[in-house]
Amino acid sequence: MAMESADPAGGPGSEGSRTASADPKRWLILAVICTAQLMVVLDATVMNLALPPAQEDLGFSDADRQWILTAYLLAFGSLLLFCGRLADLIGNKVTFLVGVAGFAGASAVGGAATTFEMLVAARAGQGVFAALLAPAALSLLATTFTDPKERGKAFGAFGAVAASGAGVGLIVGGALTSALSWRWCMYINVAFAALALLGAALPMGGKRRPGVRLDIPGVLMVSGGMFCVVYGFSNAAEESWGTPSTWGFLAAGAALLAVFGFWQTRAAQPLLPPRVILDRTRGGGYLTMLIVGGGVFGIFLFLVYYMQTTLGYSAITSGVALLPMVVFTGVGANVGNVRLMPRYGPRPLVFAGLAFSAAGAAWLTGIGVDSGYAAALLGPTMVAGLGMGLLFAAGLQTGTHGVGAEDAGVASATLQIGQQLGGAIGTALLNTIAASAVTDYLESNARGKPGPELIELAAIDGYTTVFWWCAGIFAAGAVICSTILRGGPLPPSEAGAPAGDGGASAGEPMGKAEAART
């Protein structure tokens, strides 16, 4: 059966398929969604570059500096699932537009901040509205593009933006801080938001679902649990694993999430319906994004450290140095979604993506104090970039595969929670590994007080140790994820979530095929 002839909402030739395919504004919807996604992914990198001049301007301490980043992560991570379900209940278009407008408002407040407290509050506000925006954007993508060919192109564009935005952020952030001021790293979001708010005039998104109640106990448990977990891992990255503020929060978070999982099997209208996560295909997609969040973030973070602290690259130079990675990521995401996913399905893409990422990370272990860019960085960053593109191509489509429109928001949020948790775990774990490697190197090689050359060599040893760990994480992930995921292309009848009202109503099963798979 040709994939193009099937319609996930109601079979071949259904009205839902003809409507989605005939609407020429769907590509404008894609542009709006990608613009909003770019705003969110750029913000993380741009804000890192804005921290030193912001600290000098507002006069806060090094100990306080972490809260500029932590405030955002805590709000974003703890509210993702709640906001994903909110998009399903009140409509993903409304949630998307409120998220975009609120993110722009919080960014404007941050850019105008006159005190440390004002900047932290603005960053927390950005996290809240990003939690509204991010799952709504992905669910809009999943419910707008249901034709398999068009879905591949749409997810290719979205995946390229999601995977490469951080590298572009180095260039944008470096240019803004150098030419204007750190405040423009916040103000730039207002311009992106103005473009994204054009979506208000576009016919996108599903309708509000009357008569459906929010699972308040579930919201409190999962939000509290995610807050504790994100805070615990953030604290471990800044301090140590042995402090009560690390293991205490991690233990409390694990307990709350365990109770939440049990409650979801008992609740009449669960926040995260078990049918969403128990599907083997989607479960493999969520695990893939967890690994991507941890390993890819480790490569990017420590590669930037190496370029700026050891090689002396500026922020803009570091961004330019990562452009080949950005290009190959875009190529991998688009080729993976458009050409490979329809033919081979997610399993070979995930395996290849993780294998390429492992190879790139292992190749990076050859760096030295005086390494040249072409010899030591160009090749491995291109290989790793290709792997990232393939992973985003498979992960994003697979994580929203087969869900009805009533679950698209919460499925999208679950994907992003995986990436968020992976990033938090990866940052804490890899920072600890790097610090231990540096300490061990100095203890083994120092004769008295270590000199600058020995300290540089110790830093290199820390970076290479992290890259070896990233390679191991990717290699293990390749085996585990390819074992979980089914072989072959995604079934045409489940290739996308139904658009608008074409899917199952609230509380109904998602279809015989989906029920059989879960």
Protein backbone atom coordinates (compact mmCIF):
# COMPACT_ATOMS: atom_id res chain seq x y z
CA MET A 1 0.00 0.00 0.00
CA ALA A 2 1.38 3.39 -0.90
CA MET A 3 1.91 5.52 2.19
CA GLU A 4 0.53 8.63 0.50
CA SER A 5 -2.89 7.07 0.01
CA ALA A 6 -3.62 6.40 3.67
CA ASP A 7 -5.09 8.85 6.11
CA PRO A 8 -4.60 8.54 9.85
CA ALA A 9 -7.85 10.29 10.67
CA GLY A 10 -10.19 8.13 8.75
CA GLY A 11 -8.67 5.93 6.08
CA PRO A 12 -7.76 6.54 2.44
CA GLY A 13 -9.36 9.51 0.85
CA SER A 14 -11.03 10.75 4.02
CA GLU A 15 -12.25 14.31 4.36
CA GLY A 16 -9.65 15.06 7.04
CA SER A 17 -6.85 14.12 4.66
CA ARG A 18 -8.20 16.18 1.77
CA THR A 19 -8.68 19.22 3.98
CA ALA A 20 -5.20 19.08 5.45
CA SER A 21 -3.58 18.56 2.07
CA ALA A 22 -5.59 21.28 0.32
CA ASP A 23 -4.93 24.08 2.81
CA PRO A 24 -2.08 26.18 1.38
CA LYS A 25 -1.64 27.99 4.70
CA ARG A 26 -0.18 24.90 6.34
CA TRP A 27 3.33 25.93 5.24
CA LEU A 28 2.84 29.34 6.83
CA ILE A 29 1.83 27.49 9.99
CA LEU A 30 5.10 25.55 9.78
CA ALA A 31 7.06 28.81 9.44
CA VAL A 32 5.32 30.24 12.51
CA ILE A 33 5.98 27.10 14.55
CA CYS A 34 9.67 26.98 13.55
CA THR A 35 10.11 30.68 14.35
CA ALA A 36 8.76 30.14 17.86
CA GLN A 37 10.91 27.04 18.33
CA LEU A 38 13.99 28.94 17.18
CA MET A 39 13.25 31.65 19.74
CA VAL A 40 13.21 29.12 22.57
CA VAL A 41 16.32 27.15 21.56
CA LEU A 42 18.35 30.28 20.82
CA ASP A 43 17.51 31.74 24.20
CA ALA A 44 19.39 29.07 26.17
CA THR A 45 22.71 29.64 24.40
CA VAL A 46 22.33 33.39 24.03
CA MET A 47 21.65 33.74 27.76
CA ASN A 48 24.85 31.87 28.61
CA LEU A 49 26.82 34.47 26.66
CA ALA A 50 24.90 37.33 28.26
CA LEU A 51 25.70 36.24 31.83
CA PRO A 52 29.19 37.79 32.28
CA PRO A 53 28.23 41.32 31.08
CA ALA A 54 24.89 41.09 32.95
CA GLN A 55 26.75 40.19 36.14
CA GLU A 56 29.06 43.17 35.73
CA ASP A 57 26.14 45.50 34.98
CA LEU A 58 23.81 44.38 37.81
CA GLY A 59 26.51 43.53 40.34
CA PHE A 60 25.50 40.05 41.48
CA SER A 61 27.92 37.42 42.79
CA ASP A 62 29.27 34.27 41.14
CA ALA A 63 27.18 32.20 43.57
CA ASP A 64 24.03 34.03 42.48
CA ARG A 65 24.81 33.70 38.78
CA GLN A 66 23.57 30.11 38.56
CA TRP A 67 20.05 31.28 39.45
CA ILE A 68 19.75 33.10 36.12
CA LEU A 69 19.84 29.68 34.46
CA THR A 70 18.28 27.58 37.24
CA ALA A 71 15.16 29.78 37.53
CA TYR A 72 14.34 29.08 33.89
CA LEU A 73 15.04 25.34 34.13
CA LEU A 74 12.96 24.88 37.26
CA ALA A 75 9.90 26.63 35.83
CA PHE A 76 10.22 24.97 32.43
CA GLY A 77 10.89 21.44 33.66
CA SER A 78 8.27 21.37 36.40
CA LEU A 79 5.40 22.72 34.26
CA LEU A 80 5.96 20.93 30.93
CA LEU A 81 3.56 18.04 31.44
CA PHE A 82 0.85 20.25 32.96
CA CYS A 83 1.12 22.71 30.07
CA GLY A 84 1.13 19.90 27.51
CA ARG A 85 -2.16 18.61 28.87
CA LEU A 86 -3.48 22.18 29.08
CA ALA A 87 -2.88 22.48 25.33
CA ASP A 88 -5.02 19.36 24.82
CA LEU A 89 -7.83 20.74 27.00
CA ILE A 90 -8.14 24.39 25.95
CA GLY A 91 -6.69 24.13 22.43
CA ASN A 92 -3.08 24.10 21.30
CA LYS A 93 -3.45 27.31 19.25
CA VAL A 94 -4.52 29.34 22.29
CA THR A 95 -1.78 27.79 24.43
CA PHE A 96 0.81 28.44 21.72
CA LEU A 97 -0.12 32.10 21.29
CA VAL A 98 -0.25 32.76 25.04
CA GLY A 99 3.16 31.10 25.37
CA VAL A 100 4.68 33.21 22.59
CA ALA A 101 3.25 36.48 23.90
CA GLY A 102 4.20 35.70 27.50
CA PHE A 103 7.73 34.67 26.53
CA ALA A 104 8.15 37.96 24.68
CA GLY A 105 6.83 39.93 27.66
CA ALA A 106 9.13 38.15 30.11
CA SER A 107 12.07 38.74 27.73
CA ALA A 108 11.29 42.45 27.57
CA VAL A 109 11.20 42.63 31.37
CA GLY A 110 14.52 40.80 31.55
CA GLY A 111 16.11 43.12 29.03
CA ALA A 112 15.00 46.11 31.10
CA ALA A 113 16.06 44.56 34.43
CA THR A 114 17.67 46.95 36.89
CA THR A 115 18.24 44.41 39.69
CA PHE A 116 19.31 40.80 40.03
CA GLU A 117 15.90 39.84 41.46
CA MET A 118 14.11 41.39 38.48
CA LEU A 119 16.26 39.40 36.05
CA VAL A 120 15.69 36.12 37.93
CA ALA A 121 11.92 36.74 37.96
CA ALA A 122 11.99 37.42 34.22
CA ARG A 123 13.91 34.20 33.60
CA ALA A 124 11.38 32.23 35.65
CA GLY A 125 8.61 33.86 33.61
CA GLN A 126 10.37 32.80 30.42
CA GLY A 127 10.43 29.23 31.75
CA VAL A 128 6.71 29.28 32.52
CA PHE A 129 5.73 30.52 29.07
CA ALA A 130 8.26 28.27 27.32
CA ALA A 131 6.52 25.34 29.03
CA LEU A 132 3.27 26.53 27.45
CA LEU A 133 4.83 27.18 24.06
CA ALA A 134 7.07 24.15 23.48
CA PRO A 135 4.57 21.24 23.70
CA ALA A 136 1.88 23.29 21.95
CA ALA A 137 4.25 23.96 19.02
CA LEU A 138 5.10 20.28 18.56
CA SER A 139 1.47 19.18 18.93
CA LEU A 140 0.42 21.79 16.32
CA LEU A 141 3.02 20.32 13.99
CA ALA A 142 1.80 16.77 14.61
CA THR A 143 -1.89 17.62 14.09
CA THR A 144 -1.40 19.97 11.11
CA PHE A 145 0.72 17.62 8.96
CA THR A 146 -0.89 14.19 8.70
CA ASP A 147 0.05 13.24 5.14
CA PRO A 148 3.21 11.09 5.47
CA LYS A 149 5.23 12.94 2.80
CA GLU A 150 4.36 16.40 4.09
CA ARG A 151 4.79 15.25 7.67
CA GLY A 152 8.37 14.23 6.89
CA LYS A 153 9.19 17.62 5.40
CA ALA A 154 7.57 19.47 8.31
CA PHE A 155 9.33 17.43 10.98
CA GLY A 156 12.58 17.78 9.03
CA ALA A 157 12.38 21.56 9.21
CA PHE A 158 11.34 21.54 12.87
CA GLY A 159 14.04 19.02 13.81
CA ALA A 160 16.73 21.04 12.05
CA VAL A 161 15.74 24.12 14.05
CA ALA A 162 15.54 22.21 17.33
CA ALA A 163 18.90 20.50 16.85
CA SER A 164 20.96 23.37 15.44
CA GLY A 165 19.56 26.37 17.29
CA ALA A 166 22.19 26.22 20.04
CA GLY A 167 25.05 26.59 17.56
CA VAL A 168 23.34 29.50 15.83
CA GLY A 169 22.79 31.02 19.27
CA LEU A 170 26.53 31.33 19.80
CA ILE A 171 26.81 33.51 16.71
CA VAL A 172 23.72 35.59 17.47
CA GLY A 173 24.60 36.00 21.15
CA GLY A 174 28.21 36.84 20.45
CA ALA A 175 27.22 39.45 17.87
CA LEU A 176 24.62 41.04 20.16
CA THR A 177 26.86 41.23 23.23
CA SER A 178 29.78 42.57 21.19
CA ALA A 179 27.93 45.10 19.02
CA LEU A 180 25.10 46.20 21.33
CA SER A 181 24.64 44.96 24.90
CA TRP A 182 23.67 41.87 26.88
CA ARG A 183 20.14 43.28 27.14
CA TRP A 184 19.60 42.68 23.42
CA CYS A 185 20.04 38.97 24.09
CA MET A 186 16.63 39.30 25.77
CA TYR A 187 15.08 41.91 23.49
CA ILE A 188 15.76 39.81 20.38
CA ASN A 189 13.01 37.43 21.52
CA VAL A 190 10.43 40.19 21.07
CA ALA A 191 11.22 40.32 17.35
CA PHE A 192 10.88 36.53 17.00
CA ALA A 193 7.63 36.61 18.95
CA ALA A 194 6.18 39.33 16.71
CA LEU A 195 6.68 37.03 13.72
CA ALA A 196 5.32 33.98 15.54
CA LEU A 197 2.19 35.85 16.65
CA LEU A 198 1.17 36.04 13.00
CA GLY A 199 -0.16 32.57 13.71
CA ALA A 200 -3.19 34.20 15.35
CA ALA A 201 -4.59 34.77 11.86
CA LEU A 202 -3.94 31.21 10.68
CA PRO A 203 -6.43 28.31 10.91
CA MET A 204 -4.38 26.00 13.09
CA GLY A 205 -4.99 23.83 16.12
CA GLY A 206 -7.83 21.87 17.64
CA LYS A 207 -10.81 23.09 19.59
CA ARG A 208 -11.38 23.23 23.32
CA ARG A 209 -12.63 19.96 24.81
CA PRO A 210 -15.70 20.70 26.95
CA GLY A 211 -16.54 18.52 29.92
CA VAL A 212 -12.97 17.28 30.48
CA ARG A 213 -11.46 17.99 33.89
CA LEU A 214 -7.80 18.53 34.72
CA ASP A 215 -6.14 15.94 36.94
CA ILE A 216 -5.19 18.34 39.78
CA PRO A 217 -3.54 15.72 42.06
CA GLY A 218 -1.52 14.54 39.07
CA VAL A 219 -0.46 18.10 38.24
CA LEU A 220 0.73 18.71 41.81
CA MET A 221 2.64 15.41 42.00
CA VAL A 222 4.40 15.60 38.64
CA SER A 223 5.17 19.32 38.91
CA GLY A 224 6.57 18.89 42.41
CA GLY A 225 8.51 15.80 41.37
CA MET A 226 10.03 17.43 38.29
CA PHE A 227 10.91 20.54 40.31
CA CYS A 228 12.80 18.42 42.84
CA VAL A 229 14.57 16.34 40.20
CA VAL A 230 15.67 19.32 38.09
CA TYR A 231 16.79 21.24 41.18
CA GLY A 232 18.67 18.23 42.53
CA PHE A 233 20.61 17.65 39.33
CA SER A 234 21.27 21.38 38.89
CA ASN A 235 22.61 21.52 42.44
CA ALA A 236 24.81 18.46 41.84
CA ALA A 237 26.36 20.21 38.84
CA GLU A 238 27.15 23.31 40.92
CA GLU A 239 28.08 21.73 44.26
CA SER A 240 28.32 17.98 44.88
CA TRP A 241 26.27 14.80 45.02
CA GLY A 242 26.76 14.45 48.76
CA THR A 243 25.00 17.63 49.88
CA PRO A 244 21.48 17.25 51.35
CA SER A 245 20.20 19.81 48.83
CA THR A 246 21.21 17.37 46.08
CA TRP A 247 20.30 13.88 47.27
CA GLY A 248 17.37 15.10 49.38
CA PHE A 249 15.67 16.78 46.44
CA LEU A 250 16.46 13.86 44.12
CA ALA A 251 14.96 11.38 46.59
CA ALA A 252 11.85 13.52 47.08
CA GLY A 253 11.47 13.93 43.32
CA ALA A 254 11.79 10.20 42.68
CA ALA A 255 9.18 9.47 45.33
CA LEU A 256 6.71 12.02 43.96
CA LEU A 257 7.14 10.74 40.40
CA ALA A 258 6.64 7.14 41.55
CA VAL A 259 3.40 8.09 43.31
CA PHE A 260 2.39 10.04 40.20
CA GLY A 261 2.94 6.98 38.02
CA PHE A 262 0.74 4.86 40.31
CA TRP A 263 -1.95 7.55 40.41
CA GLN A 264 -2.13 7.72 36.62
CA THR A 265 -3.32 4.11 36.52
CA ARG A 266 -6.16 4.97 38.95
CA ALA A 267 -7.28 8.48 37.91
CA ALA A 268 -10.53 8.78 35.94
CA GLN A 269 -9.01 11.40 33.61
CA PRO A 270 -5.24 11.06 34.06
CA LEU A 271 -2.84 13.89 33.27
CA LEU A 272 -0.60 11.47 31.36
CA PRO A 273 -2.78 8.61 30.07
CA PRO A 274 -0.85 5.31 30.27
CA ARG A 275 -1.78 4.63 26.62
CA VAL A 276 0.58 7.45 25.60
CA ILE A 277 3.75 6.07 27.18
CA LEU A 278 3.13 2.32 27.13
CA ASP A 279 3.25 2.13 23.34
CA ARG A 280 6.54 0.47 22.42
CA THR A 281 7.26 2.80 19.51
CA ARG A 282 6.61 6.00 21.41
CA GLY A 283 8.49 4.66 24.43
CA GLY A 284 11.54 4.11 22.24
CA GLY A 285 11.20 7.69 20.98
CA TYR A 286 11.08 9.08 24.53
CA LEU A 287 14.15 7.07 25.54
CA THR A 288 15.96 8.28 22.43
CA MET A 289 15.35 11.92 23.37
CA LEU A 290 16.51 11.25 26.94
CA ILE A 291 19.83 9.96 25.60
CA VAL A 292 20.05 12.80 23.09
CA GLY A 293 19.52 15.34 25.88
CA GLY A 294 22.34 13.90 27.98
CA GLY A 295 24.97 13.00 25.41
CA VAL A 296 24.53 15.79 22.87
CA PHE A 297 24.45 18.44 25.57
CA GLY A 298 27.70 17.02 26.95
CA ILE A 299 29.42 17.20 23.57
CA PHE A 300 28.24 20.73 22.93
CA LEU A 301 28.99 22.07 26.42
CA PHE A 302 32.52 20.71 26.75
CA LEU A 303 33.38 21.40 23.13
CA VAL A 304 32.55 25.07 23.68
CA TYR A 305 34.57 25.03 26.92
CA TYR A 306 37.54 23.63 25.01
CA MET A 307 37.31 26.12 22.15
CA GLN A 308 36.95 29.17 24.37
CA THR A 309 39.21 28.35 27.33
CA THR A 310 41.96 26.29 25.69
CA LEU A 311 42.03 27.49 22.08
CA GLY A 312 41.00 31.05 22.97
CA TYR A 313 38.10 31.30 20.51
CA SER A 314 35.62 34.13 21.00
CA ALA A 315 31.89 33.42 21.21
CA ILE A 316 31.37 34.38 17.57
CA THR A 317 34.38 32.33 16.43
CA SER A 318 33.07 29.33 18.38
CA GLY A 319 29.70 29.71 16.69
CA VAL A 320 31.29 29.89 13.24
CA ALA A 321 33.42 26.84 14.08
CA LEU A 322 30.20 24.92 14.79
CA LEU A 323 28.49 25.94 11.54
CA PRO A 324 29.50 22.69 9.76
CA MET A 325 27.86 20.78 12.62
CA VAL A 326 24.73 22.93 12.22
CA VAL A 327 24.65 22.29 8.45
CA PHE A 328 25.08 18.53 8.82
CA THR A 329 22.43 18.47 11.55
CA GLY A 330 19.98 20.15 9.19
CA VAL A 331 20.88 17.74 6.40
CA GLY A 332 20.47 14.73 8.68
CA ALA A 333 17.11 15.94 10.02
CA ASN A 334 15.66 16.63 6.59
CA VAL A 335 17.02 13.58 4.77
CA GLY A 336 16.05 11.41 7.73
CA ASN A 337 12.47 12.68 7.85
CA VAL A 338 11.78 13.00 4.13
CA ARG A 339 13.72 10.07 2.63
CA LEU A 340 14.61 7.53 5.29
CA MET A 341 11.77 7.46 7.83
CA PRO A 342 9.03 6.59 5.29
CA ARG A 343 11.15 3.81 3.83
CA TYR A 344 12.95 2.27 6.82
CA GLY A 345 11.20 3.53 9.96
CA PRO A 346 12.80 4.88 13.14
CA ARG A 347 14.93 1.94 14.28
CA PRO A 348 17.76 2.17 11.71
CA LEU A 349 17.77 5.98 11.98
CA VAL A 350 18.10 5.88 15.76
CA PHE A 351 20.85 3.26 15.55
CA ALA A 352 22.73 5.17 12.86
CA GLY A 353 22.25 8.51 14.62
CA LEU A 354 23.57 7.20 17.93
CA ALA A 355 26.42 5.38 16.15
CA PHE A 356 27.47 8.54 14.30
CA SER A 357 27.24 10.54 17.52
CA ALA A 358 29.37 7.94 19.32
CA ALA A 359 31.95 8.05 16.53
CA GLY A 360 32.06 11.84 16.61
CA ALA A 361 32.49 11.89 20.39
CA ALA A 362 35.24 9.27 20.24
CA TRP A 363 37.00 11.22 17.48
CA LEU A 364 36.98 14.33 19.70
CA THR A 365 39.14 12.51 22.26
CA GLY A 366 42.10 13.29 19.99
CA ILE A 367 42.12 17.00 20.90
CA GLY A 368 45.19 18.61 22.43
CA VAL A 369 46.36 21.93 23.82
CA ASP A 370 47.45 23.23 20.39
CA SER A 371 45.10 21.32 18.09
CA GLY A 372 44.12 22.92 14.80
CA TYR A 373 40.48 23.31 13.86
CA ALA A 374 40.64 21.43 10.54
CA ALA A 375 42.63 18.53 11.95
CA ALA A 376 40.90 18.00 15.29
CA LEU A 377 37.41 19.56 15.23
CA LEU A 378 35.97 19.81 11.72
CA GLY A 379 35.59 16.07 11.04
CA PRO A 380 34.15 14.97 14.39
CA THR A 381 31.69 17.87 14.59
CA MET A 382 30.33 17.07 11.13
CA VAL A 383 29.93 13.38 12.01
CA ALA A 384 28.27 14.19 15.34
CA GLY A 385 26.04 16.76 13.64
CA LEU A 386 24.83 14.20 11.12
CA GLY A 387 24.04 11.84 13.97
CA MET A 388 22.09 14.53 15.84
CA GLY A 389 20.02 15.27 12.75
CA LEU A 390 19.08 11.63 12.30
CA LEU A 391 18.17 11.34 15.98
CA PHE A 392 15.91 14.36 15.94
CA ALA A 393 14.36 13.09 12.70
CA ALA A 394 13.43 9.79 14.31
CA GLY A 395 12.77 10.94 17.87
CA LEU A 396 10.33 13.76 17.21
CA GLN A 397 8.15 11.81 14.79
CA THR A 398 8.24 8.61 16.82
CA GLY A 399 7.33 10.31 20.10
CA THR A 400 4.13 11.76 18.60
CA HIS A 401 3.36 8.72 16.44
CA GLY A 402 -0.17 7.37 16.59
CA VAL A 403 -1.57 9.67 19.28
CA GLY A 404 -5.01 11.16 18.88
CA ALA A 405 -5.48 14.91 18.77
CA GLU A 406 -6.70 14.75 22.38
CA ASP A 407 -3.25 13.53 23.51
CA ALA A 408 -0.93 15.39 21.12
CA GLY A 409 0.03 18.07 23.65
CA VAL A 410 0.87 15.72 26.50
CA ALA A 411 2.78 13.39 24.14
CA SER A 412 4.83 16.35 22.90
CA ALA A 413 5.49 17.43 26.49
CA THR A 414 6.67 13.91 27.39
CA LEU A 415 9.21 14.05 24.55
CA GLN A 416 10.57 17.33 25.83
CA ILE A 417 10.64 16.12 29.42
CA GLY A 418 12.90 13.32 28.22
CA GLN A 419 15.24 15.80 26.61
CA GLN A 420 15.07 18.10 29.64
CA LEU A 421 15.84 15.30 32.09
CA GLY A 422 18.61 14.03 29.86
CA GLY A 423 20.20 17.48 29.81
CA ALA A 424 19.95 17.86 33.59
CA ILE A 425 21.36 14.39 34.26
CA GLY A 426 24.06 14.82 31.61
CA THR A 427 25.19 18.19 32.97
CA ALA A 428 25.45 16.93 36.54
CA LEU A 429 27.06 13.59 35.68
CA LEU A 430 29.52 14.87 33.09
CA ASN A 431 30.57 17.87 35.17
CA THR A 432 31.35 15.47 38.02
CA ILE A 433 33.27 13.15 35.71
CA ALA A 434 35.28 16.04 34.25
CA ALA A 435 36.12 17.45 37.70
CA SER A 436 37.23 14.02 38.94
CA ALA A 437 39.39 13.45 35.87
CA VAL A 438 41.12 16.83 36.31
CA THR A 439 41.75 16.14 40.00
CA ASP A 440 43.12 12.65 39.33
CA TYR A 441 45.41 13.96 36.58
CA LEU A 442 46.86 16.66 38.80
CA GLU A 443 47.36 14.27 41.72
CA SER A 444 49.14 11.80 39.46
CA ASN A 445 51.38 14.29 37.64
CA ALA A 446 51.92 17.32 39.86
CA ARG A 447 55.15 17.70 41.79
CA GLY A 448 54.26 20.47 44.18
CA LYS A 449 52.08 23.33 43.00
CA PRO A 450 50.86 22.65 39.42
CA GLY A 451 51.91 25.17 36.77
CA PRO A 452 49.77 26.61 33.96
CA GLU A 453 50.89 24.00 31.42
CA LEU A 454 49.97 21.11 33.70
CA ILE A 455 46.60 22.69 34.48
CA GLU A 456 45.88 22.97 30.74
CA LEU A 457 46.82 19.32 30.23
CA ALA A 458 44.57 18.35 33.14
CA ALA A 459 41.68 20.28 31.53
CA ILE A 460 42.28 18.43 28.26
CA ASP A 461 42.18 15.13 30.15
CA GLY A 462 38.86 16.19 31.66
CA TYR A 463 37.41 17.01 28.23
CA THR A 464 38.59 13.78 26.62
CA THR A 465 37.25 11.73 29.53
CA VAL A 466 33.84 13.36 29.06
CA PHE A 467 33.92 12.68 25.31
CA TRP A 468 34.70 9.00 25.96
CA TRP A 469 31.74 8.83 28.34
CA CYS A 470 29.51 10.49 25.74
CA ALA A 471 30.65 7.93 23.19
CA GLY A 472 29.80 5.14 25.63
CA ILE A 473 26.36 6.62 26.38
CA PHE A 474 25.59 6.86 22.67
CA ALA A 475 26.86 3.33 21.97
CA ALA A 476 24.80 1.82 24.80
CA GLY A 477 21.79 3.85 23.66
CA ALA A 478 22.17 2.51 20.11
CA VAL A 479 21.85 -1.05 21.37
CA ILE A 480 19.02 -0.39 23.85
CA CYS A 481 16.88 1.86 21.64
CA SER A 482 17.21 -0.28 18.53
CA THR A 483 16.13 -3.26 20.64
CA ILE A 484 13.01 -1.47 21.92
CA LEU A 485 11.91 0.07 18.62
CA ARG A 486 10.11 -2.08 16.09
CA GLY A 487 11.61 -2.63 12.68
CA GLY A 488 10.11 -1.29 9.48
CA PRO A 489 8.35 1.97 8.67
CA LEU A 490 5.62 3.37 10.86
CA PRO A 491 2.25 1.96 9.73
CA PRO A 492 0.53 4.43 7.34
CA SER A 493 -2.70 4.26 9.32
CA GLU A 494 -0.79 5.59 12.36
CA ALA A 495 1.66 7.90 10.67
CA GLY A 496 0.30 11.02 12.28
CA ALA A 497 -2.15 12.34 14.78
CA PRO A 498 -5.52 13.29 13.42
CA ALA A 499 -6.05 16.93 12.80
CA GLY A 500 -8.78 19.01 14.33
CA ASP A 501 -11.78 16.92 15.23
CA GLY A 502 -10.82 13.97 13.09
CA GLY A 503 -9.38 11.92 15.92
CA ALA A 504 -10.92 9.99 18.73
CA SER A 505 -12.93 11.91 21.21
CA ALA A 506 -11.73 12.42 24.73
CA GLY A 507 -11.46 9.19 26.61
CA GLU A 508 -11.93 6.94 23.57
CA PRO A 509 -9.33 4.43 22.40
CA MET A 510 -7.04 5.52 19.62
CA GLY A 511 -8.09 2.79 17.25
CA LYS A 512 -7.73 -0.95 16.93
CA ALA A 513 -4.23 -0.88 15.55
CA GLU A 514 -2.99 1.45 18.27
CA ALA A 515 -4.72 -0.54 20.99
CA ALA A 516 -3.03 -3.66 19.75
CA ARG A 517 0.37 -1.97 19.84
CA THR A 518 -0.10 -0.71 23.42
